């Protein structure tokens, strides 16, 4: 899936485990586990050089794009 990260378009390759369960009055939403396998910028995997903070931000952007 393509997302915007720091003003550039990157492609995030991932696997989903589980399923999305919408929120109810009693329980918050449950999201499947997402395992990011690669983060491609101009067809080069930049995942190994990103900081933990950057990886968390990409994960959050991906979740928002998938479920909002």
N, C-alpha and C. Protein backbone atom coordinates (compact mmCIF):
# COMPACT_ATOMS: atom_id res chain seq x y z
N UNK A 1 0.84 -1.16 0.00
CA UNK A 1 0.00 0.00 0.00
C UNK A 1 0.90 1.24 0.00
N UNK A 2 0.54 2.21 -0.80
CA UNK A 2 1.32 3.44 -0.87
C UNK A 2 0.80 4.45 0.15
N UNK A 3 1.74 5.07 0.87
CA UNK A 3 1.40 6.09 1.86
C UNK A 3 2.35 7.26 1.70
N UNK A 4 1.96 8.40 2.27
CA UNK A 4 2.84 9.57 2.31
C UNK A 4 3.60 9.54 3.62
N UNK A 5 4.93 9.65 3.54
CA UNK A 5 5.78 9.67 4.73
C UNK A 5 6.84 10.74 4.53
N UNK A 6 6.83 11.73 5.40
CA UNK A 6 7.77 12.85 5.32
C UNK A 6 7.75 13.52 3.95
N UNK A 7 6.55 13.65 3.39
CA UNK A 7 6.38 14.34 2.12
C UNK A 7 6.70 13.51 0.89
N UNK A 8 7.08 12.26 1.09
CA UNK A 8 7.40 11.37 -0.03
C UNK A 8 6.46 10.18 -0.03
N UNK A 9 6.24 9.63 -1.21
CA UNK A 9 5.40 8.44 -1.31
C UNK A 9 6.28 7.20 -1.14
N UNK A 10 5.89 6.35 -0.19
CA UNK A 10 6.59 5.08 0.01
C UNK A 10 5.57 3.96 -0.11
N UNK A 11 6.04 2.79 -0.47
CA UNK A 11 5.17 1.63 -0.56
C UNK A 11 5.49 0.71 0.61
N UNK A 12 4.45 0.36 1.35
CA UNK A 12 4.60 -0.50 2.51
C UNK A 12 4.05 -1.88 2.17
N UNK A 13 4.90 -2.89 2.30
CA UNK A 13 4.47 -4.26 2.10
C UNK A 13 4.27 -4.88 3.48
N UNK A 14 3.17 -5.59 3.66
CA UNK A 14 2.84 -6.10 4.99
C UNK A 14 2.00 -7.36 4.88
N UNK A 15 1.89 -8.05 6.02
CA UNK A 15 1.00 -9.20 6.18
C UNK A 15 0.05 -8.87 7.32
N UNK A 16 -1.21 -9.30 7.18
CA UNK A 16 -2.21 -9.13 8.23
C UNK A 16 -2.50 -10.48 8.85
N UNK A 17 -2.59 -10.49 10.18
CA UNK A 17 -2.95 -11.70 10.91
C UNK A 17 -4.14 -11.38 11.80
N UNK A 18 -5.24 -12.10 11.63
CA UNK A 18 -6.44 -11.81 12.40
C UNK A 18 -7.41 -11.00 11.58
N UNK A 19 -8.40 -10.41 12.27
CA UNK A 19 -9.39 -9.63 11.55
C UNK A 19 -9.78 -8.40 12.36
N UNK A 20 -10.37 -7.43 11.66
CA UNK A 20 -10.85 -6.20 12.29
C UNK A 20 -12.21 -6.46 12.91
N UNK A 21 -12.37 -6.04 14.16
CA UNK A 21 -13.66 -6.14 14.84
C UNK A 21 -14.06 -4.72 15.22
N UNK A 22 -15.16 -4.21 14.65
CA UNK A 22 -15.58 -2.84 14.94
C UNK A 22 -15.89 -2.64 16.43
N UNK A 23 -15.83 -1.39 16.89
CA UNK A 23 -16.12 -1.13 18.29
C UNK A 23 -17.60 -1.31 18.60
N UNK A 24 -17.88 -1.65 19.84
CA UNK A 24 -19.25 -1.71 20.34
C UNK A 24 -19.33 -0.80 21.56
N UNK A 25 -20.47 -0.71 22.15
CA UNK A 25 -20.60 0.13 23.36
C UNK A 25 -19.72 -0.39 24.49
N UNK A 26 -19.56 -1.70 24.55
CA UNK A 26 -18.82 -2.32 25.64
C UNK A 26 -17.33 -2.48 25.36
N UNK A 27 -16.97 -2.63 24.08
CA UNK A 27 -15.58 -2.96 23.73
C UNK A 27 -15.02 -2.02 22.66
N UNK A 28 -13.74 -1.68 22.78
CA UNK A 28 -13.12 -0.87 21.73
C UNK A 28 -12.87 -1.72 20.47
N UNK A 29 -12.54 -1.07 19.39
CA UNK A 29 -12.23 -1.79 18.15
C UNK A 29 -11.00 -2.67 18.35
N UNK A 30 -10.98 -3.79 17.66
CA UNK A 30 -9.82 -4.67 17.66
C UNK A 30 -9.30 -4.73 16.23
N UNK A 31 -8.00 -4.56 16.10
CA UNK A 31 -7.37 -4.56 14.79
C UNK A 31 -6.52 -5.81 14.61
N UNK A 32 -6.40 -6.29 13.37
CA UNK A 32 -5.52 -7.43 13.16
C UNK A 32 -4.06 -7.03 13.41
N UNK A 33 -3.23 -7.99 13.68
CA UNK A 33 -1.80 -7.73 13.79
C UNK A 33 -1.26 -7.46 12.40
N UNK A 34 -0.46 -6.42 12.28
CA UNK A 34 0.16 -6.04 11.01
C UNK A 34 1.66 -6.25 11.14
N UNK A 35 2.22 -7.02 10.23
CA UNK A 35 3.66 -7.25 10.20
C UNK A 35 4.21 -6.59 8.94
N UNK A 36 4.91 -5.47 9.10
CA UNK A 36 5.50 -4.77 7.96
C UNK A 36 6.74 -5.54 7.51
N UNK A 37 6.76 -5.93 6.25
CA UNK A 37 7.89 -6.71 5.74
C UNK A 37 8.91 -5.85 5.00
N UNK A 38 8.43 -4.83 4.29
CA UNK A 38 9.34 -3.93 3.57
C UNK A 38 8.72 -2.55 3.46
N UNK A 39 9.59 -1.55 3.42
CA UNK A 39 9.18 -0.18 3.16
C UNK A 39 10.02 0.30 1.99
N UNK A 40 9.38 0.45 0.84
CA UNK A 40 10.11 0.76 -0.39
C UNK A 40 9.99 2.23 -0.77
N UNK A 41 11.13 2.83 -1.04
CA UNK A 41 11.19 4.19 -1.58
C UNK A 41 11.98 4.09 -2.88
N UNK A 42 11.31 4.39 -3.97
CA UNK A 42 11.92 4.25 -5.30
C UNK A 42 12.52 2.86 -5.49
N UNK A 43 11.73 1.85 -5.09
CA UNK A 43 12.05 0.43 -5.24
C UNK A 43 13.24 -0.03 -4.40
N UNK A 44 13.64 0.75 -3.39
CA UNK A 44 14.73 0.37 -2.48
C UNK A 44 14.13 0.23 -1.08
N UNK A 45 14.45 -0.88 -0.40
CA UNK A 45 13.94 -1.11 0.95
C UNK A 45 14.70 -0.22 1.93
N UNK A 46 13.96 0.76 2.50
CA UNK A 46 14.58 1.69 3.45
C UNK A 46 14.29 1.30 4.89
N UNK A 47 13.55 0.25 5.10
CA UNK A 47 13.18 -0.18 6.45
C UNK A 47 14.35 -0.33 7.40
N UNK A 48 15.44 -0.98 6.97
CA UNK A 48 16.57 -1.19 7.89
C UNK A 48 17.25 0.10 8.37
N UNK A 49 17.10 1.20 7.66
CA UNK A 49 17.79 2.43 8.07
C UNK A 49 16.87 3.41 8.80
N UNK A 50 15.60 3.06 8.96
CA UNK A 50 14.67 3.93 9.66
C UNK A 50 14.76 3.73 11.17
N UNK A 51 14.52 4.79 11.91
CA UNK A 51 14.52 4.71 13.37
C UNK A 51 13.24 4.02 13.85
N UNK A 52 13.24 3.61 15.10
CA UNK A 52 12.04 3.01 15.69
C UNK A 52 10.87 3.98 15.66
N UNK A 53 11.15 5.26 15.88
CA UNK A 53 10.11 6.29 15.85
C UNK A 53 9.50 6.38 14.45
N UNK A 54 10.33 6.36 13.40
CA UNK A 54 9.83 6.40 12.03
C UNK A 54 8.99 5.16 11.73
N UNK A 55 9.45 4.00 12.18
CA UNK A 55 8.70 2.76 11.94
C UNK A 55 7.34 2.80 12.63
N UNK A 56 7.29 3.33 13.84
CA UNK A 56 6.02 3.46 14.55
C UNK A 56 5.08 4.41 13.82
N UNK A 57 5.62 5.51 13.31
CA UNK A 57 4.81 6.47 12.57
C UNK A 57 4.25 5.84 11.30
N UNK A 58 5.07 5.10 10.58
CA UNK A 58 4.61 4.42 9.36
C UNK A 58 3.51 3.41 9.72
N UNK A 59 3.68 2.69 10.80
CA UNK A 59 2.68 1.73 11.25
C UNK A 59 1.36 2.44 11.54
N UNK A 60 1.41 3.58 12.24
CA UNK A 60 0.20 4.33 12.55
C UNK A 60 -0.48 4.86 11.30
N UNK A 61 0.30 5.37 10.35
CA UNK A 61 -0.26 5.86 9.09
C UNK A 61 -0.94 4.71 8.34
N UNK A 62 -0.30 3.56 8.33
CA UNK A 62 -0.86 2.39 7.65
C UNK A 62 -2.18 1.97 8.29
N UNK A 63 -2.22 1.91 9.61
CA UNK A 63 -3.46 1.55 10.31
C UNK A 63 -4.57 2.54 10.00
N UNK A 64 -4.25 3.84 10.03
CA UNK A 64 -5.26 4.85 9.71
C UNK A 64 -5.79 4.68 8.31
N UNK A 65 -4.90 4.43 7.37
CA UNK A 65 -5.32 4.28 5.96
C UNK A 65 -6.17 3.02 5.77
N UNK A 66 -5.82 1.97 6.49
CA UNK A 66 -6.56 0.72 6.35
C UNK A 66 -7.94 0.76 7.00
N UNK A 67 -8.08 1.46 8.13
CA UNK A 67 -9.30 1.34 8.93
C UNK A 67 -10.07 2.63 9.16
N UNK A 68 -9.67 3.75 8.60
CA UNK A 68 -10.44 4.97 8.75
C UNK A 68 -11.22 5.30 7.50
